[in-house]
Protein backbone atom coordinates (compact mmCIF):
# COMPACT_ATOMS: atom_id res chain seq x y z
CA UNK A 1 -5.53 6.25 29.68
CA UNK A 2 -5.24 2.10 29.29
CA UNK A 3 -1.64 2.69 30.80
CA UNK A 4 -2.87 4.63 33.71
CA UNK A 5 -5.61 2.01 34.53
CA UNK A 6 -2.87 -0.70 34.12
CA UNK A 7 -0.34 1.32 36.11
CA UNK A 8 -2.75 1.68 39.05
CA UNK A 9 -3.49 -2.27 39.00
CA UNK A 10 -0.08 -2.95 39.12
CA UNK A 11 0.29 -0.39 42.25
CA UNK A 12 -2.08 -2.18 44.20
CA UNK A 13 -1.08 -5.80 43.84
CA UNK A 14 2.48 -4.15 44.54
CA UNK A 15 0.77 -2.78 47.69
CA UNK A 16 -1.12 -5.74 48.53
CA UNK A 17 2.26 -7.99 48.16
CA UNK A 18 4.26 -5.47 50.31
CA UNK A 19 1.39 -5.44 53.02
CA UNK A 20 1.27 -9.32 53.27
CA UNK A 21 4.99 -9.20 53.30
CA UNK A 22 4.67 -6.77 56.47
CA UNK A 23 2.22 -8.51 58.29
CA UNK A 24 4.55 -11.89 58.38
CA UNK A 25 7.06 -10.05 59.50
CA UNK A 26 5.43 -8.32 62.09
CA UNK A 27 4.04 -11.75 63.45
CA UNK A 28 7.79 -13.05 63.87
CA UNK A 29 9.24 -12.38 67.35
CA UNK A 30 12.95 -12.16 65.97
CA UNK A 31 14.24 -10.89 63.05
CA UNK A 32 17.36 -12.06 61.12
CA UNK A 33 19.63 -9.17 59.41
CA UNK A 34 18.67 -10.11 56.11
CA UNK A 35 14.70 -9.74 57.30
CA UNK A 36 15.57 -6.33 59.09
CA UNK A 37 17.00 -5.05 55.80
CA UNK A 38 14.05 -6.37 53.59
CA UNK A 39 11.85 -4.83 55.75
CA UNK A 40 13.19 -1.34 55.35
CA UNK A 41 13.42 -1.69 51.25
CA UNK A 42 9.92 -2.57 51.60
CA UNK A 43 9.24 0.41 53.85
CA UNK A 44 11.28 2.82 51.25
CA UNK A 45 9.07 1.08 48.28
CA UNK A 46 5.80 1.99 49.87
CA UNK A 47 7.00 5.33 50.57
CA UNK A 48 8.19 5.87 46.57
CA UNK A 49 4.73 4.25 45.71
CA UNK A 50 2.82 7.24 47.66
CA UNK A 51 4.95 9.75 46.18
CA UNK A 52 4.14 8.07 42.48
CA UNK A 53 0.73 8.60 43.46
CA UNK A 54 0.76 11.77 44.57
CA UNK A 55 2.67 13.13 41.45
CA UNK A 56 -0.47 11.71 39.32
CA UNK A 57 -2.93 13.40 41.33
CA UNK A 58 -0.75 16.99 40.57
CA UNK A 59 -1.60 17.06 36.56
CA UNK A 60 1.26 18.86 34.93
CA UNK A 61 -0.09 22.45 33.64
CA UNK A 62 1.15 21.60 30.05
CA UNK A 63 -1.59 19.34 28.40
CA UNK A 64 0.95 17.93 25.94
CA UNK A 65 2.13 15.95 28.83
CA UNK A 66 -0.70 13.95 29.26
CA UNK A 67 -2.01 14.16 25.99
CA UNK A 68 0.99 13.86 23.79
CA UNK A 69 1.65 10.10 23.85
CA UNK A 70 -2.05 9.27 23.08
CA UNK A 71 -3.23 11.41 20.48
CA UNK A 72 -1.74 10.62 17.05
CA UNK A 73 -0.08 13.69 15.32
CA UNK A 74 -1.75 15.67 12.50
CA UNK A 75 -0.28 15.04 9.16
CA UNK A 76 -0.95 17.99 6.61
CA UNK A 77 -0.63 16.67 3.01
């Protein structure tokens, strides 16, 4: 589970950064083409993050997907 906690923390930081950049963008009255493109990229990234979080909520039926990487394989001697 440490991976999940780290991933969620990383996404939280990224969302905060994107929101801060969007606030700065909205405070400007005029935008260059580069700024408009960057705004579109930020919007797209926020949608991607939302989709990733949604996938995290929808656990797969196969428990091996969730537990396979964290459990050590059983070795029969």
